[in-house]
Amino acid sequence: MSGLTEINAAKTSTPHLYNLNMDAQLSGIVCHLLHPGENKIGHKDCDIILQGPSLLEQHAKITFTEQEPFGSFLIEKLHPDARLLLNGDPETEVAELHHYDR
């Protein structure tokens, strides 16, 4: 099975993040599967590597706790200077993620 086929199969049963783009043809191209526990996000030494002018080395983390039926997902900043938006609103505290959040 190719890497793309494996990722598409895993997306049916594994929590994941994917990119959104103003161009609908470019949305959903990049996919990051979440593993149980901490998933660090940043541009260096992280589980999810992202690039961007305002991204810090250790920017944020998503904690995935396996619970029935779907699990729990919390996002929080890893650095006080990190800018974190949830559905367009700034987040300063730990926040729970829900299906279709952006």
PDB file of N, CA and C in Angstrom:
ATOM      1  N   MET A   1       0.845  -1.180   0.000  1.00  0.00           N
ATOM      2  CA  MET A   1       0.000   0.000   0.000  1.00  0.00           C
ATOM      3  C   MET A   1       0.892   1.245   0.000  1.00  0.00           C
ATOM      4  N   SER A   2       0.559   2.230  -0.798  1.00  0.00           N
ATOM      5  CA  SER A   2       1.347   3.459  -0.851  1.00  0.00           C
ATOM      6  C   SER A   2       1.077   4.313   0.388  1.00  0.00           C
ATOM      7  N   GLY A   3       1.957   5.277   0.640  1.00  0.00           N
ATOM      8  CA  GLY A   3       1.791   6.158   1.790  1.00  0.00           C
ATOM      9  C   GLY A   3       0.484   6.922   1.761  1.00  0.00           C
ATOM     10  N   LEU A   4       0.105   7.393   0.580  1.00  0.00           N
ATOM     11  CA  LEU A   4      -1.152   8.143   0.442  1.00  0.00           C
ATOM     12  C   LEU A   4      -2.351   7.250   0.708  1.00  0.00           C
ATOM     13  N   THR A   5      -2.314   6.026   0.224  1.00  0.00           N
ATOM     14  CA  THR A   5      -3.407   5.082   0.453  1.00  0.00           C
ATOM     15  C   THR A   5      -3.530   4.757   1.939  1.00  0.00           C
ATOM     16  N   GLU A   6      -2.392   4.591   2.615  1.00  0.00           N
ATOM     17  CA  GLU A   6      -2.396   4.304   4.056  1.00  0.00           C
ATOM     18  C   GLU A   6      -2.987   5.473   4.844  1.00  0.00           C
ATOM     19  N   ILE A   7      -2.612   6.693   4.475  1.00  0.00           N
ATOM     20  CA  ILE A   7      -3.141   7.867   5.179  1.00  0.00           C
ATOM     21  C   ILE A   7      -4.640   7.994   4.951  1.00  0.00           C
ATOM     22  N   ASN A   8      -5.091   7.812   3.721  1.00  0.00           N
ATOM     23  CA  ASN A   8      -6.527   7.893   3.436  1.00  0.00           C
ATOM     24  C   ASN A   8      -7.302   6.829   4.203  1.00  0.00           C
ATOM     25  N   ALA A   9      -6.751   5.625   4.328  1.00  0.00           N
ATOM     26  CA  ALA A   9      -7.401   4.576   5.102  1.00  0.00           C
ATOM     27  C   ALA A   9      -7.423   4.936   6.584  1.00  0.00           C
ATOM     28  N   ALA A  10      -6.322   5.493   7.092  1.00  0.00           N
ATOM     29  CA  ALA A  10      -6.243   5.857   8.513  1.00  0.00           C
ATOM     30  C   ALA A  10      -7.203   6.993   8.850  1.00  0.00           C
ATOM     31  N   LYS A  11      -7.453   7.906   7.906  1.00  0.00           N
ATOM     32  CA  LYS A  11      -8.346   9.041   8.165  1.00  0.00           C
ATOM     33  C   LYS A  11      -9.772   8.596   8.497  1.00  0.00           C
ATOM     34  N   THR A  12     -10.165   7.401   8.101  1.00  0.00           N
ATOM     35  CA  THR A  12     -11.527   6.941   8.387  1.00  0.00           C
ATOM     36  C   THR A  12     -11.710   6.580   9.857  1.00  0.00           C
ATOM     37  N   SER A  13     -10.608   6.295  10.567  1.00  0.00           N
ATOM     38  CA  SER A  13     -10.747   5.866  11.964  1.00  0.00           C
ATOM     39  C   SER A  13      -9.801   6.594  12.922  1.00  0.00           C
ATOM     40  N   THR A  14      -8.947   7.469  12.419  1.00  0.00           N
ATOM     41  CA  THR A  14      -7.964   8.160  13.253  1.00  0.00           C
ATOM     42  C   THR A  14      -8.240   9.660  13.232  1.00  0.00           C
ATOM     43  N   PRO A  15      -8.268  10.305  14.404  1.00  0.00           N
ATOM     44  CA  PRO A  15      -8.437  11.764  14.417  1.00  0.00           C
ATOM     45  C   PRO A  15      -7.303  12.422  13.635  1.00  0.00           C
ATOM     46  N   HIS A  16      -7.625  13.471  12.907  1.00  0.00           N
ATOM     47  CA  HIS A  16      -6.616  14.115  12.075  1.00  0.00           C
ATOM     48  C   HIS A  16      -6.944  15.584  11.846  1.00  0.00           C
ATOM     49  N   LEU A  17      -5.920  16.298  11.423  1.00  0.00           N
ATOM     50  CA  LEU A  17      -6.046  17.700  11.041  1.00  0.00           C
ATOM     51  C   LEU A  17      -5.706  17.793   9.562  1.00  0.00           C
ATOM     52  N   TYR A  18      -6.377  18.683   8.851  1.00  0.00           N
ATOM     53  CA  TYR A  18      -5.982  18.922   7.470  1.00  0.00           C
ATOM     54  C   TYR A  18      -6.087  20.409   7.164  1.00  0.00           C
ATOM     55  N   ASN A  19      -5.374  20.800   6.120  1.00  0.00           N
ATOM     56  CA  ASN A  19      -5.297  22.219   5.789  1.00  0.00           C
ATOM     57  C   ASN A  19      -6.569  22.732   5.135  1.00  0.00           C
ATOM     58  N   LEU A  20      -6.829  24.013   5.364  1.00  0.00           N
ATOM     59  CA  LEU A  20      -7.906  24.736   4.683  1.00  0.00           C
ATOM     60  C   LEU A  20      -7.244  25.795   3.820  1.00  0.00           C
ATOM     61  N   ASN A  21      -7.821  26.052   2.661  1.00  0.00           N
ATOM     62  CA  ASN A  21      -7.270  27.039   1.761  1.00  0.00           C
ATOM     63  C   ASN A  21      -8.419  27.777   1.100  1.00  0.00           C
ATOM     64  N   MET A  22      -8.192  29.035   0.735  1.00  0.00           N
ATOM     65  CA  MET A  22      -9.233  29.793   0.033  1.00  0.00           C
ATOM     66  C   MET A  22      -9.577  29.125  -1.291  1.00  0.00           C
ATOM     67  N   ASP A  23      -8.596  28.466  -1.889  1.00  0.00           N
ATOM     68  CA  ASP A  23      -8.809  27.703  -3.118  1.00  0.00           C
ATOM     69  C   ASP A  23      -9.255  26.297  -2.712  1.00  0.00           C
ATOM     70  N   ALA A  24     -10.501  25.952  -2.965  1.00  0.00           N
ATOM     71  CA  ALA A  24     -11.064  24.668  -2.533  1.00  0.00           C
ATOM     72  C   ALA A  24     -10.266  23.474  -3.057  1.00  0.00           C
ATOM     73  N   GLN A  25      -9.609  23.610  -4.198  1.00  0.00           N
ATOM     74  CA  GLN A  25      -8.827  22.504  -4.754  1.00  0.00           C
ATOM     75  C   GLN A  25      -7.572  22.225  -3.934  1.00  0.00           C
ATOM     76  N   LEU A  26      -7.137  23.185  -3.115  1.00  0.00           N
ATOM     77  CA  LEU A  26      -5.950  23.000  -2.288  1.00  0.00           C
ATOM     78  C   LEU A  26      -6.288  22.590  -0.856  1.00  0.00           C
ATOM     79  N   SER A  27      -7.540  22.660  -0.451  1.00  0.00           N
ATOM     80  CA  SER A  27      -7.947  22.254   0.900  1.00  0.00           C
ATOM     81  C   SER A  27      -7.900  20.745   1.026  1.00  0.00           C
ATOM     82  N   GLY A  28      -7.481  20.280   2.203  1.00  0.00           N
ATOM     83  CA  GLY A  28      -7.456  18.849   2.477  1.00  0.00           C
ATOM     84  C   GLY A  28      -6.274  18.121   1.872  1.00  0.00           C
ATOM     85  N   ILE A  29      -5.309  18.843   1.333  1.00  0.00           N
ATOM     86  CA  ILE A  29      -4.145  18.219   0.703  1.00  0.00           C
ATOM     87  C   ILE A  29      -3.154  17.728   1.755  1.00  0.00           C
ATOM     88  N   VAL A  30      -2.936  18.507   2.806  1.00  0.00           N
ATOM     89  CA  VAL A  30      -2.000  18.151   3.868  1.00  0.00           C
ATOM     90  C   VAL A  30      -2.804  17.563   5.030  1.00  0.00           C
ATOM     91  N   CYS A  31      -2.401  16.396   5.502  1.00  0.00           N
ATOM     92  CA  CYS A  31      -3.117  15.725   6.590  1.00  0.00           C
ATOM     93  C   CYS A  31      -2.128  15.320   7.682  1.00  0.00           C
ATOM     94  N   HIS A  32      -2.480  15.624   8.931  1.00  0.00           N
ATOM     95  CA  HIS A  32      -1.668  15.231  10.081  1.00  0.00           C
ATOM     96  C   HIS A  32      -2.528  14.339  10.973  1.00  0.00           C
ATOM     97  N   LEU A  33      -2.113  13.082  11.136  1.00  0.00           N
ATOM     98  CA  LEU A  33      -2.826  12.153  12.011  1.00  0.00           C
ATOM     99  C   LEU A  33      -2.421  12.428  13.454  1.00  0.00           C
ATOM    100  N   LEU A  34      -3.388  12.439  14.364  1.00  0.00           N
ATOM    101  CA  LEU A  34      -3.113  12.667  15.785  1.00  0.00           C
ATOM    102  C   LEU A  34      -2.953  11.336  16.494  1.00  0.00           C
ATOM    103  N   HIS A  35      -1.915  11.228  17.304  1.00  0.00           N
ATOM    104  CA  HIS A  35      -1.719  10.018  18.095  1.00  0.00           C
ATOM    105  C   HIS A  35      -2.154  10.292  19.534  1.00  0.00           C
ATOM    106  N   PRO A  36      -2.513   9.257  20.285  1.00  0.00           N
ATOM    107  CA  PRO A  36      -2.906   9.476  21.686  1.00  0.00           C
ATOM    108  C   PRO A  36      -1.768  10.134  22.463  1.00  0.00           C
ATOM    109  N   GLY A  37      -2.124  11.024  23.372  1.00  0.00           N
ATOM    110  CA  GLY A  37      -1.130  11.763  24.145  1.00  0.00           C
ATOM    111  C   GLY A  37      -0.919  13.139  23.558  1.00  0.00           C
ATOM    112  N   GLU A  38       0.283  13.682  23.755  1.00  0.00           N
ATOM    113  CA  GLU A  38       0.600  15.028  23.295  1.00  0.00           C
ATOM    114  C   GLU A  38       1.066  15.026  21.848  1.00  0.00           C
ATOM    115  N   ASN A  39       0.554  15.957  21.072  1.00  0.00           N
ATOM    116  CA  ASN A  39       0.957  16.181  19.686  1.00  0.00           C
ATOM    117  C   ASN A  39       1.450  17.621  19.614  1.00  0.00           C
ATOM    118  N   LYS A  40       2.783  17.804  19.648  1.00  0.00           N
ATOM    119  CA  LYS A  40       3.354  19.158  19.635  1.00  0.00           C
ATOM    120  C   LYS A  40       3.369  19.712  18.218  1.00  0.00           C
ATOM    121  N   ILE A  41       3.090  21.020  18.134  1.00  0.00           N
ATOM    122  CA  ILE A  41       3.028  21.727  16.859  1.00  0.00           C
ATOM    123  C   ILE A  41       4.041  22.865  16.889  1.00  0.00           C
ATOM    124  N   GLY A  42       4.824  22.975  15.849  1.00  0.00           N
ATOM    125  CA  GLY A  42       5.812  24.039  15.741  1.00  0.00           C
ATOM    126  C   GLY A  42       6.650  23.837  14.504  1.00  0.00           C
ATOM    127  N   HIS A  43       7.773  24.551  14.430  1.00  0.00           N
ATOM    128  CA  HIS A  43       8.599  24.381  13.234  1.00  0.00           C
ATOM    129  C   HIS A  43       9.913  23.666  13.514  1.00  0.00           C
ATOM    130  N   LYS A  44      10.090  23.136  14.742  1.00  0.00           N
ATOM    131  CA  LYS A  44      11.322  22.402  15.044  1.00  0.00           C
ATOM    132  C   LYS A  44      11.051  21.386  16.153  1.00  0.00           C
ATOM    133  N   ASP A  45      11.509  20.149  15.938  1.00  0.00           N
ATOM    134  CA  ASP A  45      11.411  19.081  16.946  1.00  0.00           C
ATOM    135  C   ASP A  45       9.989  18.896  17.473  1.00  0.00           C
ATOM    136  N   CYS A  46       9.018  18.817  16.574  1.00  0.00           N
ATOM    137  CA  CYS A  46       7.609  18.647  16.947  1.00  0.00           C
ATOM    138  C   CYS A  46       7.011  17.477  16.182  1.00  0.00           C
ATOM    139  N   ASP A  47       5.864  17.007  16.639  1.00  0.00           N
ATOM    140  CA  ASP A  47       5.134  15.940  15.946  1.00  0.00           C
ATOM    141  C   ASP A  47       4.529  16.452  14.645  1.00  0.00           C
ATOM    142  N   ILE A  48       4.041  17.682  14.678  1.00  0.00           N
ATOM    143  CA  ILE A  48       3.442  18.314  13.502  1.00  0.00           C
ATOM    144  C   ILE A  48       4.293  19.528  13.170  1.00  0.00           C
ATOM    145  N   ILE A  49       5.015  19.442  12.046  1.00  0.00           N
ATOM    146  CA  ILE A  49       5.906  20.514  11.619  1.00  0.00           C
ATOM    147  C   ILE A  49       5.156  21.421  10.653  1.00  0.00           C
ATOM    148  N   LEU A  50       5.094  22.707  10.994  1.00  0.00           N
ATOM    149  CA  LEU A  50       4.473  23.714  10.145  1.00  0.00           C
ATOM    150  C   LEU A  50       5.472  24.851   9.936  1.00  0.00           C
ATOM    151  N   GLN A  51       5.373  25.516   8.819  1.00  0.00           N
ATOM    152  CA  GLN A  51       6.234  26.654   8.528  1.00  0.00           C
ATOM    153  C   GLN A  51       5.375  27.905   8.399  1.00  0.00           C
ATOM    154  N   GLY A  52       5.894  29.000   8.851  1.00  0.00           N
ATOM    155  CA  GLY A  52       5.181  30.262   8.728  1.00  0.00           C
ATOM    156  C   GLY A  52       5.934  31.338   9.482  1.00  0.00           C
ATOM    157  N   PRO A  53       5.743  32.587   9.095  1.00  0.00           N
ATOM    158  CA  PRO A  53       6.514  33.672   9.710  1.00  0.00           C
ATOM    159  C   PRO A  53       6.248  33.865  11.201  1.00  0.00           C
ATOM    160  N   SER A  54       5.074  33.517  11.686  1.00  0.00           N
ATOM    161  CA  SER A  54       4.769  33.750  13.103  1.00  0.00           C
ATOM    162  C   SER A  54       4.777  32.465  13.927  1.00  0.00           C
ATOM    163  N   LEU A  55       5.147  31.333  13.317  1.00  0.00           N
ATOM    164  CA  LEU A  55       5.190  30.073  14.059  1.00  0.00           C
ATOM    165  C   LEU A  55       6.471  29.958  14.868  1.00  0.00           C
ATOM    166  N   LEU A  56       6.342  29.584  16.119  1.00  0.00           N
ATOM    167  CA  LEU A  56       7.488  29.394  17.001  1.00  0.00           C
ATOM    168  C   LEU A  56       7.973  27.952  16.926  1.00  0.00           C
ATOM    169  N   GLU A  57       9.200  27.718  17.413  1.00  0.00           N
ATOM    170  CA  GLU A  57       9.746  26.359  17.408  1.00  0.00           C
ATOM    171  C   GLU A  57       8.797  25.395  18.106  1.00  0.00           C
ATOM    172  N   GLN A  58       8.346  25.750  19.277  1.00  0.00           N
ATOM    173  CA  GLN A  58       7.379  24.976  20.055  1.00  0.00           C
ATOM    174  C   GLN A  58       6.167  25.887  20.238  1.00  0.00           C
ATOM    175  N   HIS A  59       5.187  25.792  19.370  1.00  0.00           N
ATOM    176  CA  HIS A  59       4.097  26.768  19.314  1.00  0.00           C
ATOM    177  C   HIS A  59       2.892  26.358  20.173  1.00  0.00           C
ATOM    178  N   ALA A  60       2.395  25.143  19.963  1.00  0.00           N
ATOM    179  CA  ALA A  60       1.184  24.683  20.677  1.00  0.00           C
ATOM    180  C   ALA A  60       1.214  23.164  20.771  1.00  0.00           C
ATOM    181  N   LYS A  61       0.261  22.638  21.519  1.00  0.00           N
ATOM    182  CA  LYS A  61       0.122  21.178  21.564  1.00  0.00           C
ATOM    183  C   LYS A  61      -1.351  20.813  21.630  1.00  0.00           C
ATOM    184  N   ILE A  62      -1.654  19.685  21.032  1.00  0.00           N
ATOM    185  CA  ILE A  62      -2.985  19.091  21.125  1.00  0.00           C
ATOM    186  C   ILE A  62      -2.826  17.808  21.920  1.00  0.00           C
ATOM    187  N   THR A  63      -3.581  17.694  22.997  1.00  0.00           N
ATOM    188  CA  THR A  63      -3.557  16.485  23.807  1.00  0.00           C
ATOM    189  C   THR A  63      -4.789  15.666  23.462  1.00  0.00           C
ATOM    190  N   PHE A  64      -4.540  14.449  23.008  1.00  0.00           N
ATOM    191  CA  PHE A  64      -5.605  13.526  22.593  1.00  0.00           C
ATOM    192  C   PHE A  64      -5.715  12.442  23.650  1.00  0.00           C
ATOM    193  N   THR A  65      -6.841  12.433  24.366  1.00  0.00           N
ATOM    194  CA  THR A  65      -7.122  11.420  25.380  1.00  0.00           C
ATOM    195  C   THR A  65      -8.182  10.491  24.824  1.00  0.00           C
ATOM    196  N   GLU A  66      -7.849   9.220  24.737  1.00  0.00           N
ATOM    197  CA  GLU A  66      -8.803   8.256  24.190  1.00  0.00           C
ATOM    198  C   GLU A  66      -9.891   7.981  25.223  1.00  0.00           C
ATOM    199  N   GLN A  67     -11.112   8.361  24.873  1.00  0.00           N
ATOM    200  CA  GLN A  67     -12.293   8.110  25.697  1.00  0.00           C
ATOM    201  C   GLN A  67     -13.395   7.670  24.763  1.00  0.00           C
ATOM    202  N   GLU A  68     -14.331   6.930  25.280  1.00  0.00           N
ATOM    203  CA  GLU A  68     -15.478   6.528  24.454  1.00  0.00           C
ATOM    204  C   GLU A  68     -16.437   7.697  24.330  1.00  0.00           C
ATOM    205  N   PRO A  69     -17.064   7.948  23.242  1.00  0.00           N
ATOM    206  CA  PRO A  69     -16.945   7.187  22.009  1.00  0.00           C
ATOM    207  C   PRO A  69     -15.866   7.722  21.070  1.00  0.00           C
ATOM    208  N   PHE A  70     -15.440   9.020  21.215  1.00  0.00           N
ATOM    209  CA  PHE A  70     -14.549   9.605  20.212  1.00  0.00           C
ATOM    210  C   PHE A  70     -13.235  10.128  20.756  1.00  0.00           C
ATOM    211  N   GLY A  71     -13.142  10.364  22.028  1.00  0.00           N
ATOM    212  CA  GLY A  71     -11.930  10.930  22.598  1.00  0.00           C
ATOM    213  C   GLY A  71     -12.108  12.399  22.940  1.00  0.00           C
ATOM    214  N   SER A  72     -11.106  12.926  23.615  1.00  0.00           N
ATOM    215  CA  SER A  72     -11.107  14.312  24.038  1.00  0.00           C
ATOM    216  C   SER A  72      -9.864  14.982  23.447  1.00  0.00           C
ATOM    217  N   PHE A  73     -10.017  16.220  22.987  1.00  0.00           N
ATOM    218  CA  PHE A  73      -8.926  16.948  22.357  1.00  0.00           C
ATOM    219  C   PHE A  73      -8.810  18.327  22.968  1.00  0.00           C
ATOM    220  N   LEU A  74      -7.645  18.625  23.548  1.00  0.00           N
ATOM    221  CA  LEU A  74      -7.395  19.930  24.149  1.00  0.00           C
ATOM    222  C   LEU A  74      -6.225  20.570  23.434  1.00  0.00           C
ATOM    223  N   ILE A  75      -6.330  21.864  23.148  1.00  0.00           N
ATOM    224  CA  ILE A  75      -5.232  22.603  22.529  1.00  0.00           C
ATOM    225  C   ILE A  75      -4.792  23.704  23.475  1.00  0.00           C
ATOM    226  N   GLU A  76      -3.468  23.916  23.535  1.00  0.00           N
ATOM    227  CA  GLU A  76      -2.938  24.987  24.369  1.00  0.00           C
ATOM    228  C   GLU A  76      -1.617  25.498  23.789  1.00  0.00           C
ATOM    229  N   LYS A  77      -1.325  26.743  24.096  1.00  0.00           N
ATOM    230  CA  LYS A  77      -0.073  27.350  23.658  1.00  0.00           C
ATOM    231  C   LYS A  77       1.084  26.756  24.457  1.00  0.00           C
ATOM    232  N   LEU A  78       2.239  26.625  23.804  1.00  0.00           N
ATOM    233  CA  LEU A  78       3.440  26.161  24.492  1.00  0.00           C
ATOM    234  C   LEU A  78       4.385  27.304  24.836  1.00  0.00           C
ATOM    235  N   HIS A  79       4.061  28.495  24.364  1.00  0.00           N
ATOM    236  CA  HIS A  79       4.895  29.663  24.628  1.00  0.00           C
ATOM    237  C   HIS A  79       3.971  30.869  24.784  1.00  0.00           C
ATOM    238  N   PRO A  80       4.247  31.734  25.738  1.00  0.00           N
ATOM    239  CA  PRO A  80       3.362  32.887  25.952  1.00  0.00           C
ATOM    240  C   PRO A  80       3.224  33.797  24.723  1.00  0.00           C
ATOM    241  N   ASP A  81       4.232  33.831  23.858  1.00  0.00           N
ATOM    242  CA  ASP A  81       4.184  34.689  22.671  1.00  0.00           C
ATOM    243  C   ASP A  81       3.489  34.025  21.483  1.00  0.00           C
ATOM    244  N   ALA A  82       3.109  32.769  21.633  1.00  0.00           N
ATOM    245  CA  ALA A  82       2.456  32.057  20.522  1.00  0.00           C
ATOM    246  C   ALA A  82       1.070  32.653  20.281  1.00  0.00           C
ATOM    247  N   ARG A  83       0.741  32.843  19.011  1.00  0.00           N
ATOM    248  CA  ARG A  83      -0.595  33.328  18.637  1.00  0.00           C
ATOM    249  C   ARG A  83      -1.419  32.114  18.245  1.00  0.00           C
ATOM    250  N   LEU A  84      -2.540  31.923  18.927  1.00  0.00           N
ATOM    251  CA  LEU A  84      -3.387  30.756  18.700  1.00  0.00           C
ATOM    252  C   LEU A  84      -4.827  31.223  18.500  1.00  0.00           C
ATOM    253  N   LEU A  85      -5.395  30.898  17.348  1.00  0.00           N
ATOM    254  CA  LEU A  85      -6.787  31.242  17.050  1.00  0.00           C
ATOM    255  C   LEU A  85      -7.603  29.960  16.954  1.00  0.00           C
ATOM    256  N   LEU A  86      -8.788  29.977  17.515  1.00  0.00           N
ATOM    257  CA  LEU A  86      -9.717  28.860  17.409  1.00  0.00           C
ATOM    258  C   LEU A  86     -11.012  29.421  16.839  1.00  0.00           C
ATOM    259  N   ASN A  87     -11.356  28.989  15.648  1.00  0.00           N
ATOM    260  CA  ASN A  87     -12.529  29.509  14.935  1.00  0.00           C
ATOM    261  C   ASN A  87     -12.470  31.031  14.785  1.00  0.00           C
ATOM    262  N   GLY A  88     -11.251  31.550  14.594  1.00  0.00           N
ATOM    263  CA  GLY A  88     -11.050  32.969  14.365  1.00  0.00           C
ATOM    264  C   GLY A  88     -10.880  33.813  15.614  1.00  0.00           C
ATOM    265  N   ASP A  89     -11.069  33.229  16.792  1.00  0.00           N
ATOM    266  CA  ASP A  89     -10.963  33.971  18.052  1.00  0.00           C
ATOM    267  C   ASP A  89      -9.674  33.606  18.779  1.00  0.00           C
ATOM    268  N   PRO A  90      -8.970  34.599  19.364  1.00  0.00           N
ATOM    269  CA  PRO A  90      -7.737  34.308  20.102  1.00  0.00           C
ATOM    270  C   PRO A  90      -8.012  33.408  21.307  1.00  0.00           C
ATOM    271  N   GLU A  91      -7.121  32.453  21.530  1.00  0.00           N
ATOM    272  CA  GLU A  91      -7.206  31.568  22.700  1.00  0.00           C
ATOM    273  C   GLU A  91      -6.008  31.834  23.601  1.00  0.00           C
ATOM    274  N   THR A  92      -6.260  32.060  24.872  1.00  0.00           N
ATOM    275  CA  THR A  92      -5.176  32.267  25.831  1.00  0.00           C
ATOM    276  C   THR A  92      -5.115  31.139  26.851  1.00  0.00           C
ATOM    277  N   GLU A  93      -6.166  30.367  26.950  1.00  0.00           N
ATOM    278  CA  GLU A  93      -6.244  29.260  27.900  1.00  0.00           C
ATOM    279  C   GLU A  93      -6.300  27.938  27.135  1.00  0.00           C
ATOM    280  N   VAL A  94      -6.291  26.849  27.868  1.00  0.00           N
ATOM    281  CA  VAL A  94      -6.508  25.530  27.274  1.00  0.00           C
ATOM    282  C   VAL A  94      -7.937  25.499  26.742  1.00  0.00           C
ATOM    283  N   ALA A  95      -8.105  25.012  25.518  1.00  0.00           N
ATOM    284  CA  ALA A  95      -9.437  24.976  24.895  1.00  0.00           C
ATOM    285  C   ALA A  95      -9.716  23.580  24.372  1.00  0.00           C
ATOM    286  N   GLU A  96     -10.976  23.178  24.449  1.00  0.00           N
ATOM    287  CA  GLU A  96     -11.377  21.875  23.914  1.00  0.00           C
ATOM    288  C   GLU A  96     -11.688  22.027  22.424  1.00  0.00           C
ATOM    289  N   LEU A  97     -11.188  21.070  21.636  1.00  0.00           N
ATOM    290  CA  LEU A  97     -11.466  21.070  20.196  1.00  0.00           C
ATOM    291  C   LEU A  97     -12.664  20.195  19.897  1.00  0.00           C
ATOM    292  N   HIS A  98     -13.435  20.618  18.890  1.00  0.00           N
ATOM    293  CA  HIS A  98     -14.602  19.867  18.456  1.00  0.00           C
ATOM    294  C   HIS A  98     -14.525  19.637  16.956  1.00  0.00           C
ATOM    295  N   HIS A  99     -15.325  18.692  16.491  1.00  0.00           N
ATOM    296  CA  HIS A  99     -15.386  18.391  15.069  1.00  0.00           C
ATOM    297  C   HIS A  99     -15.677  19.659  14.276  1.00  0.00           C
ATOM    298  N   TYR A 100     -14.958  19.870  13.214  1.00  0.00           N
ATOM    299  CA  TYR A 100     -15.087  21.030  12.313  1.00  0.00           C
ATOM    300  C   TYR A 100     -14.567  22.336  12.868  1.00  0.00           C
ATOM    301  N   ASP A 101     -13.837  22.333  14.008  1.00  0.00           N
ATOM    302  CA  ASP A 101     -13.187  23.554  14.453  1.00  0.00           C
ATOM    303  C   ASP A 101     -12.113  23.909  13.446  1.00  0.00           C
ATOM    304  N   ARG A 102     -11.782  25.182  13.397  1.00  0.00           N
ATOM    305  CA  ARG A 102     -10.709  25.619  12.507  1.00  0.00           C
ATOM    306  C   ARG A 102      -9.843  26.635  13.205  1.00  0.00           C
TER     307      ARG A 102
END
